[in-house]
Every structure is written in structure tokens, then in C-alpha cells.
Amino acid sequence: MILLHAQPYDISANGFYFEDADSYEAKARNNKNDYGQPVEEYEIQFIDGDDIDCALAKAWGINQANFAAYLEAAEDWDEDDKHRYIIAVGECGYSHEQVASDPSSVDMSLYALSSMRDLAEQFVEEGIFGEIPESLQFYIDYDAIARDLSVDYAETTIAGTNFIFHCA
């Protein structure tokens, strides 16, 4: 469950909490300022929910015009789609319009690893650098490989999980 707050820009009006677009509409329709005038403009604030949904709200830039689509995406998308959207928009320079319809279509390599060294070790283990004889495996400089990988890959932390990624 995600809890949002509609904070009026009108300082003579009170805000309200809501969980979906229908409750927002009902409360906004009846909200009046101290002078009996309808309140029209709100800042939408993320109040409570999973850490990943908070990060998604920040990347989404939730506002009065787009919060309903955000709530739908937060409910429908799996965590991988949320991570891809957050990284694509926040780190790779994609626009919301390019990613929001299908985050899985973003051409991105994404690894949930704690460091570039871990990525280097994974790549060696997967054979990306070719077959390495067992007698030479103890001489591999994973730190040097990690430094080389950091030219093409970057790191970010989302909701407490470290990711290494490369956007094409």
C-alpha cells in the first residue's frame, strides 16, 4: 500500500492523505480553503510505502498530473521494471515518455552486485574474457579488471540494494 499526501499551494487550505486516484478526486473536489474557495493546485508527496516505491516516486517526479499513472505502475510493475525505470530516467538520460510504457525495453545491462570487483569476478567466471587455465586463476588482478569495467559501467543504490549498470 502506498500513501500519498496532497499539500495545497494555498496556505489557507488543508491537505489530505489518499491511496488511489478515486479517493484523491473525492477529497480534492470537496476541499475548500478558509474563504470557501475550491483548492485547485496541490503538491503530491510520497508519505508511506516500500522503499522501492519511494525511489520510483522520486524518479517519476510525481505531481498532480501524473500521480495516478505512478500508482498504476507501482502496483503493476515488478521490481526489475521499477529498477530499470529508476536507472534509465535517473542515471541514463532517458525521458519518462521513453521508458514509462515498457521499462523492460530499455537496452541496459543490470546487475545486483555490491562492487565492480564482484562484476569482474562474475565476468571471469562466466568466461567473458575467454578460458582461463586453473593454474593462472590465482594471478588474475580483479581490481584492475574492475577499474577497466568502471569506464563502461556505473554504480547506484536503490532502496538499499547496490546495482551496477551499463546503458546502451
C-alpha atoms as a PDB file:
ATOM      1  CA  MET A   1       0.000   0.000   0.000  1.00  0.00           C
ATOM      2  CA  ILE A   2       1.221   3.472  -0.927  1.00  0.00           C
ATOM      3  CA  LEU A   3       0.106   6.543   0.986  1.00  0.00           C
ATOM      4  CA  LEU A   4       0.382   9.957  -0.666  1.00  0.00           C
ATOM      5  CA  HIS A   5      -0.438  13.443   0.611  1.00  0.00           C
ATOM      6  CA  ALA A   6      -1.919  16.315  -1.378  1.00  0.00           C
ATOM      7  CA  GLN A   7      -0.434  19.505   0.062  1.00  0.00           C
ATOM      8  CA  PRO A   8      -2.234  22.623  -1.228  1.00  0.00           C
ATOM      9  CA  TYR A   9      -0.176  25.514  -2.510  1.00  0.00           C
ATOM     10  CA  ASP A  10      -2.899  27.701  -0.950  1.00  0.00           C
ATOM     11  CA  ILE A  11      -1.673  28.323   2.618  1.00  0.00           C
ATOM     12  CA  SER A  12      -5.224  28.873   3.824  1.00  0.00           C
ATOM     13  CA  ALA A  13      -6.251  25.304   2.959  1.00  0.00           C
ATOM     14  CA  ASN A  14      -5.619  21.900   4.494  1.00  0.00           C
ATOM     15  CA  GLY A  15      -4.147  18.942   2.693  1.00  0.00           C
ATOM     16  CA  PHE A  16      -5.263  15.340   2.782  1.00  0.00           C
ATOM     17  CA  TYR A  17      -3.950  11.807   2.564  1.00  0.00           C
ATOM     18  CA  PHE A  18      -5.008   9.352  -0.148  1.00  0.00           C
ATOM     19  CA  GLU A  19      -4.155   5.925  -1.529  1.00  0.00           C
ATOM     20  CA  ASP A  20      -5.686   5.964  -5.007  1.00  0.00           C
ATOM     21  CA  ALA A  21      -6.929   8.314  -7.703  1.00  0.00           C
ATOM     22  CA  ASP A  22     -10.583   7.898  -6.749  1.00  0.00           C
ATOM     23  CA  SER A  23     -10.062   8.958  -3.134  1.00  0.00           C
ATOM     24  CA  TYR A  24      -7.917  11.864  -4.348  1.00  0.00           C
ATOM     25  CA  GLU A  25     -10.677  13.050  -6.685  1.00  0.00           C
ATOM     26  CA  ALA A  26     -13.353  12.813  -3.985  1.00  0.00           C
ATOM     27  CA  LYS A  27     -11.287  14.658  -1.389  1.00  0.00           C
ATOM     28  CA  ALA A  28      -9.984  17.291  -3.824  1.00  0.00           C
ATOM     29  CA  ARG A  29     -13.482  18.006  -5.124  1.00  0.00           C
ATOM     30  CA  ASN A  30     -14.666  18.809  -1.582  1.00  0.00           C
ATOM     31  CA  ASN A  31     -11.553  20.630  -0.361  1.00  0.00           C
ATOM     32  CA  LYS A  32     -12.035  24.358   0.306  1.00  0.00           C
ATOM     33  CA  ASN A  33      -9.716  26.982   1.693  1.00  0.00           C
ATOM     34  CA  ASP A  34     -10.553  29.168   4.733  1.00  0.00           C
ATOM     35  CA  TYR A  35     -12.545  31.504   2.459  1.00  0.00           C
ATOM     36  CA  GLY A  36     -14.767  28.793   0.979  1.00  0.00           C
ATOM     37  CA  GLN A  37     -12.977  28.752  -2.381  1.00  0.00           C
ATOM     38  CA  PRO A  38     -12.106  25.422  -4.027  1.00  0.00           C
ATOM     39  CA  VAL A  39      -8.470  24.358  -3.831  1.00  0.00           C
ATOM     40  CA  GLU A  40      -7.060  23.676  -7.284  1.00  0.00           C
ATOM     41  CA  GLU A  41      -3.327  23.084  -7.016  1.00  0.00           C
ATOM     42  CA  TYR A  42      -1.521  20.527  -4.892  1.00  0.00           C
ATOM     43  CA  GLU A  43       1.980  19.289  -4.341  1.00  0.00           C
ATOM     44  CA  ILE A  44       1.840  15.482  -4.201  1.00  0.00           C
ATOM     45  CA  GLN A  45       4.112  13.968  -1.546  1.00  0.00           C
ATOM     46  CA  PHE A  46       5.093  10.339  -1.024  1.00  0.00           C
ATOM     47  CA  ILE A  47       4.364   9.507   2.634  1.00  0.00           C
ATOM     48  CA  ASP A  48       4.483   5.742   3.123  1.00  0.00           C
ATOM     49  CA  GLY A  49       5.174   2.589   1.150  1.00  0.00           C
ATOM     50  CA  ASP A  50       8.009   0.281   0.193  1.00  0.00           C
ATOM     51  CA  ASP A  51      11.458   1.825  -0.300  1.00  0.00           C
ATOM     52  CA  ILE A  52      11.441   0.856  -3.978  1.00  0.00           C
ATOM     53  CA  ASP A  53       8.136   2.688  -4.486  1.00  0.00           C
ATOM     54  CA  CYS A  54       9.578   5.766  -2.773  1.00  0.00           C
ATOM     55  CA  ALA A  55      12.550   5.698  -5.153  1.00  0.00           C
ATOM     56  CA  LEU A  56      10.165   5.218  -8.082  1.00  0.00           C
ATOM     57  CA  ALA A  57       8.098   8.238  -6.945  1.00  0.00           C
ATOM     58  CA  LYS A  58      11.237  10.369  -6.828  1.00  0.00           C
ATOM     59  CA  ALA A  59      12.376   9.275 -10.307  1.00  0.00           C
ATOM     60  CA  TRP A  60       8.816   9.673 -11.641  1.00  0.00           C
ATOM     61  CA  GLY A  61       8.634  13.213 -10.277  1.00  0.00           C
ATOM     62  CA  ILE A  62       5.096  12.655  -9.033  1.00  0.00           C
ATOM     63  CA  ASN A  63       2.775  15.610  -9.278  1.00  0.00           C
ATOM     64  CA  GLN A  64      -0.902  16.392  -9.569  1.00  0.00           C
ATOM     65  CA  ALA A  65      -0.994  15.458 -13.256  1.00  0.00           C
ATOM     66  CA  ASN A  66       0.878  12.145 -13.167  1.00  0.00           C
ATOM     67  CA  PHE A  67       0.388  10.525  -9.751  1.00  0.00           C
ATOM     68  CA  ALA A  68      -2.402   8.214 -10.992  1.00  0.00           C
ATOM     69  CA  ALA A  69      -0.099   6.714 -13.639  1.00  0.00           C
ATOM     70  CA  TYR A  70       2.607   6.382 -10.980  1.00  0.00           C
ATOM     71  CA  LEU A  71       0.240   4.487  -8.650  1.00  0.00           C
ATOM     72  CA  GLU A  72      -0.721   2.170 -11.511  1.00  0.00           C
ATOM     73  CA  ALA A  73       2.917   1.486 -12.394  1.00  0.00           C
ATOM     74  CA  ALA A  74       3.871   0.943  -8.747  1.00  0.00           C
ATOM     75  CA  GLU A  75       1.143  -1.678  -8.483  1.00  0.00           C
ATOM     76  CA  ASP A  76       1.628  -3.381 -11.874  1.00  0.00           C
ATOM     77  CA  TRP A  77       5.402  -3.392 -12.368  1.00  0.00           C
ATOM     78  CA  ASP A  78       7.712  -5.958 -10.839  1.00  0.00           C
ATOM     79  CA  GLU A  79      10.860  -4.834  -9.028  1.00  0.00           C
ATOM     80  CA  ASP A  80      13.040  -5.287 -12.112  1.00  0.00           C
ATOM     81  CA  ASP A  81      10.849  -2.884 -14.117  1.00  0.00           C
ATOM     82  CA  LYS A  82      10.987  -0.374 -11.256  1.00  0.00           C
ATOM     83  CA  HIS A  83      14.782  -0.627 -11.052  1.00  0.00           C
ATOM     84  CA  ARG A  84      15.112  -0.233 -14.820  1.00  0.00           C
ATOM     85  CA  TYR A  85      12.854   2.828 -14.854  1.00  0.00           C
ATOM     86  CA  ILE A  86      14.676   4.484 -11.938  1.00  0.00           C
ATOM     87  CA  ILE A  87      18.093   3.929 -13.509  1.00  0.00           C
ATOM     88  CA  ALA A  88      17.036   4.773 -17.072  1.00  0.00           C
ATOM     89  CA  VAL A  89      15.424   8.071 -16.079  1.00  0.00           C
ATOM     90  CA  GLY A  90      17.679   9.000 -13.165  1.00  0.00           C
ATOM     91  CA  GLU A  91      21.068   7.873 -14.448  1.00  0.00           C
ATOM     92  CA  CYS A  92      20.996   7.167 -18.184  1.00  0.00           C
ATOM     93  CA  GLY A  93      19.236  10.253 -19.518  1.00  0.00           C
ATOM     94  CA  TYR A  94      16.069   8.608 -20.811  1.00  0.00           C
ATOM     95  CA  SER A  95      12.872  10.623 -20.591  1.00  0.00           C
ATOM     96  CA  HIS A  96       9.793   9.426 -18.756  1.00  0.00           C
ATOM     97  CA  GLU A  97       7.967   9.059 -22.071  1.00  0.00           C
ATOM     98  CA  GLN A  98      10.673   6.770 -23.472  1.00  0.00           C
ATOM     99  CA  VAL A  99      10.543   4.364 -20.533  1.00  0.00           C
ATOM    100  CA  ALA A 100       7.136   4.500 -18.819  1.00  0.00           C
ATOM    101  CA  SER A 101       5.263   2.332 -21.323  1.00  0.00           C
ATOM    102  CA  ASP A 102       7.740  -0.585 -21.081  1.00  0.00           C
ATOM    103  CA  PRO A 103      10.785  -0.330 -18.771  1.00  0.00           C
ATOM    104  CA  SER A 104      11.962  -3.794 -19.824  1.00  0.00           C
ATOM    105  CA  SER A 105      12.560  -2.477 -23.348  1.00  0.00           C
ATOM    106  CA  VAL A 106      15.416  -0.238 -22.186  1.00  0.00           C
ATOM    107  CA  ASP A 107      18.715  -1.516 -23.561  1.00  0.00           C
ATOM    108  CA  MET A 108      20.558  -1.872 -20.269  1.00  0.00           C
ATOM    109  CA  SER A 109      22.827  -4.365 -18.558  1.00  0.00           C
ATOM    110  CA  LEU A 110      21.846  -4.508 -14.888  1.00  0.00           C
ATOM    111  CA  TYR A 111      23.498  -6.465 -12.091  1.00  0.00           C
ATOM    112  CA  ALA A 112      22.597  -6.515  -8.394  1.00  0.00           C
ATOM    113  CA  LEU A 113      26.163  -6.707  -7.090  1.00  0.00           C
ATOM    114  CA  SER A 114      27.950  -4.949  -4.263  1.00  0.00           C
ATOM    115  CA  SER A 115      31.023  -3.789  -6.202  1.00  0.00           C
ATOM    116  CA  MET A 116      32.781  -3.551  -9.547  1.00  0.00           C
ATOM    117  CA  ARG A 117      35.152  -6.227  -8.295  1.00  0.00           C
ATOM    118  CA  ASP A 118      32.186  -8.587  -7.920  1.00  0.00           C
ATOM    119  CA  LEU A 119      31.242  -7.828 -11.528  1.00  0.00           C
ATOM    120  CA  ALA A 120      34.824  -8.532 -12.627  1.00  0.00           C
ATOM    121  CA  GLU A 121      34.775 -11.872 -10.808  1.00  0.00           C
ATOM    122  CA  GLN A 122      31.404 -12.750 -12.337  1.00  0.00           C
ATOM    123  CA  PHE A 123      32.619 -11.914 -15.846  1.00  0.00           C
ATOM    124  CA  VAL A 124      35.755 -14.053 -15.404  1.00  0.00           C
ATOM    125  CA  GLU A 125      33.668 -16.923 -14.029  1.00  0.00           C
ATOM    126  CA  GLU A 126      31.235 -16.672 -16.961  1.00  0.00           C
ATOM    127  CA  GLY A 127      34.140 -16.854 -19.406  1.00  0.00           C
ATOM    128  CA  ILE A 128      33.667 -13.411 -20.926  1.00  0.00           C
ATOM    129  CA  PHE A 129      37.452 -13.000 -21.040  1.00  0.00           C
ATOM    130  CA  GLY A 130      37.941 -16.462 -22.507  1.00  0.00           C
ATOM    131  CA  GLU A 131      39.022 -19.742 -20.987  1.00  0.00           C
ATOM    132  CA  ILE A 132      41.493 -19.196 -18.160  1.00  0.00           C
ATOM    133  CA  PRO A 133      43.553 -22.216 -17.095  1.00  0.00           C
ATOM    134  CA  GLU A 134      43.116 -23.182 -13.441  1.00  0.00           C
ATOM    135  CA  SER A 135      46.840 -22.708 -12.816  1.00  0.00           C
ATOM    136  CA  LEU A 136      46.540 -19.000 -13.750  1.00  0.00           C
ATOM    137  CA  GLN A 137      43.304 -18.167 -11.937  1.00  0.00           C
ATOM    138  CA  PHE A 138      45.162 -17.139  -8.772  1.00  0.00           C
ATOM    139  CA  TYR A 139      47.078 -14.468 -10.715  1.00  0.00           C
ATOM    140  CA  ILE A 140      44.081 -12.574 -12.082  1.00  0.00           C
ATOM    141  CA  ASP A 141      44.001  -8.938 -10.981  1.00  0.00           C
ATOM    142  CA  TYR A 142      40.280  -8.478 -10.362  1.00  0.00           C
ATOM    143  CA  ASP A 143      40.831  -4.927  -9.130  1.00  0.00           C
ATOM    144  CA  ALA A 144      42.413  -3.954 -12.452  1.00  0.00           C
ATOM    145  CA  ILE A 145      39.535  -5.546 -14.346  1.00  0.00           C
ATOM    146  CA  ALA A 146      37.094  -3.674 -12.090  1.00  0.00           C
ATOM    147  CA  ARG A 147      38.831  -0.370 -12.881  1.00  0.00           C
ATOM    148  CA  ASP A 148      38.552  -1.129 -16.596  1.00  0.00           C
ATOM    149  CA  LEU A 149      34.871  -2.047 -16.232  1.00  0.00           C
ATOM    150  CA  SER A 150      34.168   1.226 -14.432  1.00  0.00           C
ATOM    151  CA  VAL A 151      34.793   3.038 -17.729  1.00  0.00           C
ATOM    152  CA  ASP A 152      31.638   1.475 -19.220  1.00  0.00           C
ATOM    153  CA  TYR A 153      29.648   0.577 -16.090  1.00  0.00           C
ATOM    154  CA  ALA A 154      28.366   2.711 -13.232  1.00  0.00           C
ATOM    155  CA  GLU A 155      27.002   2.024  -9.756  1.00  0.00           C
ATOM    156  CA  THR A 156      23.913   3.239  -7.935  1.00  0.00           C
ATOM    157  CA  THR A 157      21.982   2.223  -4.845  1.00  0.00           C
ATOM    158  CA  ILE A 158      18.202   1.872  -4.950  1.00  0.00           C
ATOM    159  CA  ALA A 159      16.211   1.049  -1.828  1.00  0.00           C
ATOM    160  CA  GLY A 160      19.303  -0.344  -0.110  1.00  0.00           C
ATOM    161  CA  THR A 161      20.444  -2.552  -2.996  1.00  0.00           C
ATOM    162  CA  ASN A 162      23.590  -1.745  -4.966  1.00  0.00           C
ATOM    163  CA  PHE A 163      23.351  -2.047  -8.744  1.00  0.00           C
ATOM    164  CA  ILE A 164      25.959  -1.971 -11.444  1.00  0.00           C
ATOM    165  CA  PHE A 165      24.636  -0.995 -14.845  1.00  0.00           C
ATOM    166  CA  HIS A 166      25.504  -0.062 -18.387  1.00  0.00           C
ATOM    167  CA  CYS A 167      23.100   1.852 -20.595  1.00  0.00           C
ATOM    168  CA  ALA A 168      23.449   1.375 -24.331  1.00  0.00           C
END
